All heavy atoms as atom14 arrays in JSON, in Angstrom:
{
  "sequence": "SVYRFHPHFHRLLEEKIADLVHPQYKFDLMLSEDGSGRG",
  "atom14_mask": [
    [1, 1, 1, 1, 1, 1, 0, 0, 0, 0, 0, 0, 0, 0],
    [1, 1, 1, 1, 1, 1, 1, 0, 0, 0, 0, 0, 0, 0],
    [1, 1, 1, 1, 1, 1, 1, 1, 1, 1, 1, 1, 0, 0],
    [1, 1, 1, 1, 1, 1, 1, 1, 1, 1, 1, 0, 0, 0],
    [1, 1, 1, 1, 1, 1, 1, 1, 1, 1, 1, 0, 0, 0],
    [1, 1, 1, 1, 1, 1, 1, 1, 1, 1, 0, 0, 0, 0],
    [1, 1, 1, 1, 1, 1, 1, 0, 0, 0, 0, 0, 0, 0],
    [1, 1, 1, 1, 1, 1, 1, 1, 1, 1, 0, 0, 0, 0],
    [1, 1, 1, 1, 1, 1, 1, 1, 1, 1, 1, 0, 0, 0],
    [1, 1, 1, 1, 1, 1, 1, 1, 1, 1, 0, 0, 0, 0],
    [1, 1, 1, 1, 1, 1, 1, 1, 1, 1, 1, 0, 0, 0],
    [1, 1, 1, 1, 1, 1, 1, 1, 0, 0, 0, 0, 0, 0],
    [1, 1, 1, 1, 1, 1, 1, 1, 0, 0, 0, 0, 0, 0],
    [1, 1, 1, 1, 1, 1, 1, 1, 1, 0, 0, 0, 0, 0],
    [1, 1, 1, 1, 1, 1, 1, 1, 1, 0, 0, 0, 0, 0],
    [1, 1, 1, 1, 1, 1, 1, 1, 1, 0, 0, 0, 0, 0],
    [1, 1, 1, 1, 1, 1, 1, 1, 0, 0, 0, 0, 0, 0],
    [1, 1, 1, 1, 1, 0, 0, 0, 0, 0, 0, 0, 0, 0],
    [1, 1, 1, 1, 1, 1, 1, 1, 0, 0, 0, 0, 0, 0],
    [1, 1, 1, 1, 1, 1, 1, 1, 0, 0, 0, 0, 0, 0],
    [1, 1, 1, 1, 1, 1, 1, 0, 0, 0, 0, 0, 0, 0],
    [1, 1, 1, 1, 1, 1, 1, 1, 1, 1, 0, 0, 0, 0],
    [1, 1, 1, 1, 1, 1, 1, 0, 0, 0, 0, 0, 0, 0],
    [1, 1, 1, 1, 1, 1, 1, 1, 1, 0, 0, 0, 0, 0],
    [1, 1, 1, 1, 1, 1, 1, 1, 1, 1, 1, 1, 0, 0],
    [1, 1, 1, 1, 1, 1, 1, 1, 1, 0, 0, 0, 0, 0],
    [1, 1, 1, 1, 1, 1, 1, 1, 1, 1, 1, 0, 0, 0],
    [1, 1, 1, 1, 1, 1, 1, 1, 0, 0, 0, 0, 0, 0],
    [1, 1, 1, 1, 1, 1, 1, 1, 0, 0, 0, 0, 0, 0],
    [1, 1, 1, 1, 1, 1, 1, 1, 0, 0, 0, 0, 0, 0],
    [1, 1, 1, 1, 1, 1, 1, 1, 0, 0, 0, 0, 0, 0],
    [1, 1, 1, 1, 1, 1, 0, 0, 0, 0, 0, 0, 0, 0],
    [1, 1, 1, 1, 1, 1, 1, 1, 1, 0, 0, 0, 0, 0],
    [1, 1, 1, 1, 1, 1, 1, 1, 0, 0, 0, 0, 0, 0],
    [1, 1, 1, 1, 0, 0, 0, 0, 0, 0, 0, 0, 0, 0],
    [1, 1, 1, 1, 1, 1, 0, 0, 0, 0, 0, 0, 0, 0],
    [1, 1, 1, 1, 0, 0, 0, 0, 0, 0, 0, 0, 0, 0],
    [1, 1, 1, 1, 1, 1, 1, 1, 1, 1, 1, 0, 0, 0],
    [1, 1, 1, 1, 0, 0, 0, 0, 0, 0, 0, 0, 0, 0]
  ],
  "atom14_positions": [
    [[0.81, -1.22, 0.0], [0.0, 0.0, 0.0], [0.84, 1.27, 0.0], [0.47, 2.27, -0.63], [-0.94, 0.0, 1.21], [-0.21, -0.19, 2.41], [0.0, 0.0, 0.0], [0.0, 0.0, 0.0], [0.0, 0.0, 0.0], [0.0, 0.0, 0.0], [0.0, 0.0, 0.0], [0.0, 0.0, 0.0], [0.0, 0.0, 0.0], [0.0, 0.0, 0.0]],
    [[1.97, 1.28, 0.7], [2.8, 2.49, 0.73], [3.34, 2.77, -0.67], [3.27, 3.9, -1.17], [3.95, 2.34, 1.75], [4.92, 3.53, 1.64], [3.41, 2.24, 3.17], [0.0, 0.0, 0.0], [0.0, 0.0, 0.0], [0.0, 0.0, 0.0], [0.0, 0.0, 0.0], [0.0, 0.0, 0.0], [0.0, 0.0, 0.0], [0.0, 0.0, 0.0]],
    [[3.86, 1.74, -1.33], [4.39, 1.91, -2.69], [3.28, 2.31, -3.66], [3.47, 3.16, -4.53], [5.06, 0.62, -3.16], [5.63, 0.72, -4.56], [6.85, 1.34, -4.8], [4.93, 0.2, -5.65], [7.36, 1.44, -6.08], [5.44, 0.29, -6.94], [6.65, 0.91, -7.15], [7.16, 1.02, -8.42], [0.0, 0.0, 0.0], [0.0, 0.0, 0.0]],
    [[2.11, 1.69, -3.51], [1.01, 1.95, -4.44], [0.42, 3.34, -4.29], [0.08, 4.0, -5.28], [-0.11, 0.92, -4.22], [0.16, -0.44, -4.81], [-0.96, -1.42, -4.45], [-0.76, -2.71, -5.08], [-1.23, -3.05, -6.27], [-1.94, -2.18, -6.97], [-0.99, -4.24, -6.78], [0.0, 0.0, 0.0], [0.0, 0.0, 0.0], [0.0, 0.0, 0.0]],
    [[0.26, 3.81, -3.06], [-0.58, 4.99, -2.83], [0.17, 6.26, -2.43], [-0.38, 7.34, -2.53], [-1.64, 4.67, -1.78], [-2.53, 3.52, -2.17], [-2.65, 2.4, -1.36], [-3.23, 3.55, -3.37], [-3.47, 1.34, -1.72], [-4.05, 2.5, -3.75], [-4.17, 1.39, -2.93], [0.0, 0.0, 0.0], [0.0, 0.0, 0.0], [0.0, 0.0, 0.0]],
    [[1.41, 6.12, -1.96], [2.15, 7.34, -1.65], [2.52, 8.02, -2.96], [3.12, 7.39, -3.85], [3.41, 7.0, -0.84], [4.11, 8.2, -0.31], [4.84, 9.07, -1.11], [4.21, 8.71, 0.95], [5.34, 10.03, -0.38], [4.97, 9.85, 0.88], [0.0, 0.0, 0.0], [0.0, 0.0, 0.0], [0.0, 0.0, 0.0], [0.0, 0.0, 0.0]],
    [[2.22, 9.31, -3.13], [2.38, 9.93, -4.44], [3.82, 10.07, -4.93], [4.05, 10.25, -6.13], [1.74, 11.32, -4.25], [1.77, 11.57, -2.79], [1.63, 10.23, -2.14], [0.0, 0.0, 0.0], [0.0, 0.0, 0.0], [0.0, 0.0, 0.0], [0.0, 0.0, 0.0], [0.0, 0.0, 0.0], [0.0, 0.0, 0.0], [0.0, 0.0, 0.0]],
    [[4.81, 10.01, -4.04], [6.2, 10.22, -4.45], [7.11, 9.02, -4.21], [8.29, 9.07, -4.56], [6.8, 11.43, -3.7], [5.96, 12.66, -3.78], [5.54, 13.21, -4.97], [5.43, 13.44, -2.79], [4.8, 14.28, -4.72], [4.71, 14.44, -3.42], [0.0, 0.0, 0.0], [0.0, 0.0, 0.0], [0.0, 0.0, 0.0], [0.0, 0.0, 0.0]],
    [[6.59, 7.96, -3.62], [7.45, 6.87, -3.18], [8.19, 6.21, -4.34], [9.4, 5.97, -4.26], [6.65, 5.83, -2.4], [7.46, 5.06, -1.4], [7.59, 5.52, -0.1], [8.13, 3.9, -1.75], [8.35, 4.83, 0.85], [8.89, 3.21, -0.83], [9.0, 3.68, 0.48], [0.0, 0.0, 0.0], [0.0, 0.0, 0.0], [0.0, 0.0, 0.0]],
    [[7.48, 5.94, -5.42], [8.11, 5.29, -6.58], [9.27, 6.13, -7.11], [10.38, 5.62, -7.35], [7.09, 5.05, -7.69], [7.69, 4.62, -8.99], [7.99, 3.3, -9.27], [8.11, 5.33, -10.08], [8.54, 3.22, -10.48], [8.62, 4.44, -10.98], [0.0, 0.0, 0.0], [0.0, 0.0, 0.0], [0.0, 0.0, 0.0], [0.0, 0.0, 0.0]],
    [[9.03, 7.42, -7.29], [10.07, 8.31, -7.83], [11.28, 8.38, -6.9], [12.43, 8.25, -7.34], [9.5, 9.71, -8.05], [10.53, 10.75, -8.48], [9.93, 12.12, -8.63], [9.28, 12.61, -7.43], [9.92, 13.13, -6.39], [11.25, 13.23, -6.38], [9.26, 13.56, -5.33], [0.0, 0.0, 0.0], [0.0, 0.0, 0.0], [0.0, 0.0, 0.0]],
    [[11.03, 8.56, -5.6], [12.13, 8.65, -4.63], [12.94, 7.36, -4.62], [14.17, 7.38, -4.58], [11.56, 8.92, -3.22], [10.94, 10.3, -2.99], [10.15, 10.31, -1.68], [12.02, 11.38, -2.97], [0.0, 0.0, 0.0], [0.0, 0.0, 0.0], [0.0, 0.0, 0.0], [0.0, 0.0, 0.0], [0.0, 0.0, 0.0], [0.0, 0.0, 0.0]],
    [[12.23, 6.23, -4.67], [12.89, 4.93, -4.63], [13.74, 4.71, -5.88], [14.92, 4.33, -5.79], [11.81, 3.85, -4.51], [12.25, 2.4, -4.37], [13.16, 2.21, -3.18], [11.03, 1.48, -4.26], [0.0, 0.0, 0.0], [0.0, 0.0, 0.0], [0.0, 0.0, 0.0], [0.0, 0.0, 0.0], [0.0, 0.0, 0.0], [0.0, 0.0, 0.0]],
    [[13.15, 4.98, -7.02], [13.86, 4.75, -8.28], [15.11, 5.63, -8.39], [16.19, 5.17, -8.77], [12.9, 5.04, -9.44], [13.41, 4.62, -10.8], [12.33, 4.73, -11.85], [11.73, 5.83, -11.97], [12.06, 3.73, -12.53], [0.0, 0.0, 0.0], [0.0, 0.0, 0.0], [0.0, 0.0, 0.0], [0.0, 0.0, 0.0], [0.0, 0.0, 0.0]],
    [[14.97, 6.91, -8.04], [16.1, 7.83, -8.14], [17.24, 7.45, -7.2], [18.41, 7.49, -7.58], [15.63, 9.26, -7.84], [14.74, 9.86, -8.92], [14.17, 11.22, -8.55], [14.39, 11.68, -7.4], [13.49, 11.82, -9.41], [0.0, 0.0, 0.0], [0.0, 0.0, 0.0], [0.0, 0.0, 0.0], [0.0, 0.0, 0.0], [0.0, 0.0, 0.0]],
    [[16.88, 7.04, -5.99], [17.93, 6.76, -5.01], [18.59, 5.4, -5.27], [19.8, 5.25, -5.06], [17.37, 6.84, -3.58], [18.43, 6.81, -2.49], [19.55, 7.81, -2.7], [19.13, 9.24, -2.67], [20.29, 10.18, -2.8], [0.0, 0.0, 0.0], [0.0, 0.0, 0.0], [0.0, 0.0, 0.0], [0.0, 0.0, 0.0], [0.0, 0.0, 0.0]],
    [[17.85, 4.42, -5.76], [18.49, 3.16, -6.15], [19.53, 3.44, -7.23], [20.66, 2.92, -7.19], [17.46, 2.12, -6.66], [16.53, 1.67, -5.54], [18.18, 0.89, -7.23], [15.37, 0.8, -6.02], [0.0, 0.0, 0.0], [0.0, 0.0, 0.0], [0.0, 0.0, 0.0], [0.0, 0.0, 0.0], [0.0, 0.0, 0.0], [0.0, 0.0, 0.0]],
    [[19.16, 4.27, -8.21], [20.08, 4.61, -9.31], [21.35, 5.28, -8.79], [22.44, 5.07, -9.33], [19.38, 5.53, -10.31], [0.0, 0.0, 0.0], [0.0, 0.0, 0.0], [0.0, 0.0, 0.0], [0.0, 0.0, 0.0], [0.0, 0.0, 0.0], [0.0, 0.0, 0.0], [0.0, 0.0, 0.0], [0.0, 0.0, 0.0], [0.0, 0.0, 0.0]],
    [[21.23, 6.04, -7.71], [22.41, 6.68, -7.11], [23.33, 5.67, -6.43], [24.54, 5.85, -6.39], [21.98, 7.72, -6.05], [21.37, 8.96, -6.66], [21.57, 9.19, -7.87], [20.68, 9.7, -5.92], [0.0, 0.0, 0.0], [0.0, 0.0, 0.0], [0.0, 0.0, 0.0], [0.0, 0.0, 0.0], [0.0, 0.0, 0.0], [0.0, 0.0, 0.0]],
    [[22.74, 4.59, -5.87], [23.48, 3.7, -4.99], [23.96, 2.42, -5.66], [24.94, 1.81, -5.21], [22.61, 3.33, -3.77], [22.2, 4.5, -2.86], [21.17, 4.04, -1.84], [23.41, 5.1, -2.16], [0.0, 0.0, 0.0], [0.0, 0.0, 0.0], [0.0, 0.0, 0.0], [0.0, 0.0, 0.0], [0.0, 0.0, 0.0], [0.0, 0.0, 0.0]],
    [[23.28, 1.96, -6.71], [23.66, 0.7, -7.35], [24.86, 0.92, -8.26], [25.08, 2.02, -8.79], [22.45, 0.12, -8.13], [22.22, 0.89, -9.42], [22.63, -1.36, -8.41], [0.0, 0.0, 0.0], [0.0, 0.0, 0.0], [0.0, 0.0, 0.0], [0.0, 0.0, 0.0], [0.0, 0.0, 0.0], [0.0, 0.0, 0.0], [0.0, 0.0, 0.0]],
    [[25.65, -0.15, -8.44], [26.78, -0.08, -9.37], [26.24, 0.21, -10.78], [25.27, -0.43, -11.21], [27.55, -1.4, -9.37], [28.88, -1.33, -10.04], [29.0, -1.24, -11.41], [30.15, -1.32, -9.54], [30.28, -1.18, -11.73], [31.0, -1.21, -10.62], [0.0, 0.0, 0.0], [0.0, 0.0, 0.0], [0.0, 0.0, 0.0], [0.0, 0.0, 0.0]],
    [[26.84, 1.14, -11.51], [26.29, 1.57, -12.82], [26.08, 0.44, -13.83], [25.23, 0.56, -14.71], [27.33, 2.57, -13.34], [28.11, 3.01, -12.15], [28.06, 1.89, -11.16], [0.0, 0.0, 0.0], [0.0, 0.0, 0.0], [0.0, 0.0, 0.0], [0.0, 0.0, 0.0], [0.0, 0.0, 0.0], [0.0, 0.0, 0.0], [0.0, 0.0, 0.0]],
    [[26.84, -0.66, -13.71], [26.7, -1.72, -14.73], [25.5, -2.62, -14.48], [25.13, -3.42, -15.33], [27.97, -2.56, -14.81], [28.2, -3.51, -13.65], [29.54, -4.21, -13.75], [30.58, -3.69, -13.39], [29.51, -5.42, -14.29], [0.0, 0.0, 0.0], [0.0, 0.0, 0.0], [0.0, 0.0, 0.0], [0.0, 0.0, 0.0], [0.0, 0.0, 0.0]],
    [[24.84, -2.46, -13.31], [23.67, -3.29, -12.99], [22.41, -2.46, -13.17], [22.05, -1.66, -12.32], [23.76, -3.85, -11.57], [25.06, -4.56, -11.28], [25.73, -4.36, -10.07], [25.64, -5.42, -12.21], [26.93, -5.0, -9.8], [26.84, -6.06, -11.95], [27.48, -5.84, -10.74], [28.68, -6.47, -10.48], [0.0, 0.0, 0.0], [0.0, 0.0, 0.0]],
    [[21.74, -2.65, -14.3], [20.54, -1.89, -14.61], [19.32, -2.55, -13.95], [19.32, -3.75, -13.66], [20.32, -1.81, -16.13], [21.53, -1.28, -16.9], [21.94, 0.11, -16.43], [23.13, 0.62, -17.22], [23.62, 1.92, -16.69], [0.0, 0.0, 0.0], [0.0, 0.0, 0.0], [0.0, 0.0, 0.0], [0.0, 0.0, 0.0], [0.0, 0.0, 0.0]],
    [[18.28, -1.75, -13.74], [17.09, -2.26, -13.05], [15.86, -1.49, -13.51], [15.95, -0.4, -14.07], [17.24, -2.12, -11.53], [17.13, -0.69, -11.07], [15.92, -0.18, -10.61], [18.23, 0.17, -11.12], [15.81, 1.15, -10.22], [18.13, 1.5, -10.73], [16.91, 1.99, -10.27], [0.0, 0.0, 0.0], [0.0, 0.0, 0.0], [0.0, 0.0, 0.0]],
    [[14.7, -2.07, -13.26], [13.45, -1.3, -13.35], [12.51, -1.81, -12.27], [12.66, -2.95, -11.78], [12.82, -1.38, -14.74], [12.42, -2.8, -15.1], [13.3, -3.59, -15.49], [11.22, -3.1, -15.01], [0.0, 0.0, 0.0], [0.0, 0.0, 0.0], [0.0, 0.0, 0.0], [0.0, 0.0, 0.0], [0.0, 0.0, 0.0], [0.0, 0.0, 0.0]],
    [[11.57, -0.99, -11.87], [10.59, -1.32, -10.84], [9.26, -1.63, -11.53], [8.79, -0.85, -12.36], [10.4, -0.17, -9.86], [11.65, 0.35, -9.15], [11.3, 1.52, -8.23], [12.33, -0.76, -8.36], [0.0, 0.0, 0.0], [0.0, 0.0, 0.0], [0.0, 0.0, 0.0], [0.0, 0.0, 0.0], [0.0, 0.0, 0.0], [0.0, 0.0, 0.0]],
    [[8.66, -2.77, -11.17], [7.41, -3.2, -11.8], [6.35, -3.42, -10.73], [6.55, -4.22, -9.81], [7.66, -4.51, -12.57], [6.42, -5.1, -13.2], [6.83, -6.67, -14.05], [5.21, -7.13, -14.66], [0.0, 0.0, 0.0], [0.0, 0.0, 0.0], [0.0, 0.0, 0.0], [0.0, 0.0, 0.0], [0.0, 0.0, 0.0], [0.0, 0.0, 0.0]],
    [[5.24, -2.69, -10.83], [4.15, -2.88, -9.88], [3.5, -4.23, -10.1], [3.17, -4.6, -11.24], [3.11, -1.77, -10.05], [1.86, -1.88, -9.17], [2.23, -1.72, -7.7], [0.83, -0.84, -9.57], [0.0, 0.0, 0.0], [0.0, 0.0, 0.0], [0.0, 0.0, 0.0], [0.0, 0.0, 0.0], [0.0, 0.0, 0.0], [0.0, 0.0, 0.0]],
    [[3.32, -4.97, -9.03], [2.64, -6.26, -9.11], [1.14, -6.0, -9.14], [0.51, -5.82, -8.1], [3.01, -7.13, -7.9], [2.3, -8.35, -7.93], [0.0, 0.0, 0.0], [0.0, 0.0, 0.0], [0.0, 0.0, 0.0], [0.0, 0.0, 0.0], [0.0, 0.0, 0.0], [0.0, 0.0, 0.0], [0.0, 0.0, 0.0], [0.0, 0.0, 0.0]],
    [[0.59, -5.95, -10.35], [-0.8, -5.53, -10.52], [-1.8, -6.48, -9.86], [-2.85, -6.06, -9.4], [-1.12, -5.39, -12.0], [-0.31, -4.3, -12.7], [-0.53, -4.29, -14.19], [-1.35, -5.09, -14.67], [0.13, -3.5, -14.88], [0.0, 0.0, 0.0], [0.0, 0.0, 0.0], [0.0, 0.0, 0.0], [0.0, 0.0, 0.0], [0.0, 0.0, 0.0]],
    [[-1.48, -7.75, -9.82], [-2.43, -8.74, -9.31], [-2.1, -9.19, -7.9], [-2.74, -10.1, -7.37], [-2.47, -9.96, -10.24], [-2.74, -9.55, -11.68], [-3.76, -8.89, -11.89], [-1.93, -9.88, -12.55], [0.0, 0.0, 0.0], [0.0, 0.0, 0.0], [0.0, 0.0, 0.0], [0.0, 0.0, 0.0], [0.0, 0.0, 0.0], [0.0, 0.0, 0.0]],
    [[-1.08, -8.57, -7.27], [-0.76, -8.92, -5.89], [-0.07, -10.25, -5.77], [0.17, -10.98, -6.74], [0.0, 0.0, 0.0], [0.0, 0.0, 0.0], [0.0, 0.0, 0.0], [0.0, 0.0, 0.0], [0.0, 0.0, 0.0], [0.0, 0.0, 0.0], [0.0, 0.0, 0.0], [0.0, 0.0, 0.0], [0.0, 0.0, 0.0], [0.0, 0.0, 0.0]],
    [[0.27, -10.58, -4.53], [1.04, -11.79, -4.27], [0.2, -13.06, -4.38], [0.74, -14.16, -4.48], [1.68, -11.71, -2.88], [0.7, -11.48, -1.9], [0.0, 0.0, 0.0], [0.0, 0.0, 0.0], [0.0, 0.0, 0.0], [0.0, 0.0, 0.0], [0.0, 0.0, 0.0], [0.0, 0.0, 0.0], [0.0, 0.0, 0.0], [0.0, 0.0, 0.0]],
    [[-1.13, -12.92, -4.37], [-1.99, -14.1, -4.45], [-1.81, -14.85, -5.75], [-1.7, -16.08, -5.78], [0.0, 0.0, 0.0], [0.0, 0.0, 0.0], [0.0, 0.0, 0.0], [0.0, 0.0, 0.0], [0.0, 0.0, 0.0], [0.0, 0.0, 0.0], [0.0, 0.0, 0.0], [0.0, 0.0, 0.0], [0.0, 0.0, 0.0], [0.0, 0.0, 0.0]],
    [[-1.77, -14.12, -6.87], [-1.56, -14.77, -8.17], [-0.21, -15.46, -8.19], [-0.04, -16.53, -8.77], [-1.66, -13.74, -9.3], [-1.55, -14.37, -10.69], [-1.93, -13.37, -11.76], [-0.88, -12.4, -11.99], [0.02, -12.49, -12.97], [0.02, -13.54, -13.78], [0.92, -11.55, -13.13], [0.0, 0.0, 0.0], [0.0, 0.0, 0.0], [0.0, 0.0, 0.0]],
    [[0.78, -14.85, -7.53], [2.1, -15.46, -7.44], [2.07, -16.79, -6.73], [2.77, -17.74, -7.11], [0.0, 0.0, 0.0], [0.0, 0.0, 0.0], [0.0, 0.0, 0.0], [0.0, 0.0, 0.0], [0.0, 0.0, 0.0], [0.0, 0.0, 0.0], [0.0, 0.0, 0.0], [0.0, 0.0, 0.0], [0.0, 0.0, 0.0], [0.0, 0.0, 0.0]]
  ]
}
């Protein structure tokens, strides 16, 4: 719920991961649309 509904959480998370991860390891964040139940 925090990731889904906080208006800035995704942006803050994405920007700061990019600052901290080694540049050769690329990533993207994907919202789990159907939740953990489908998993």
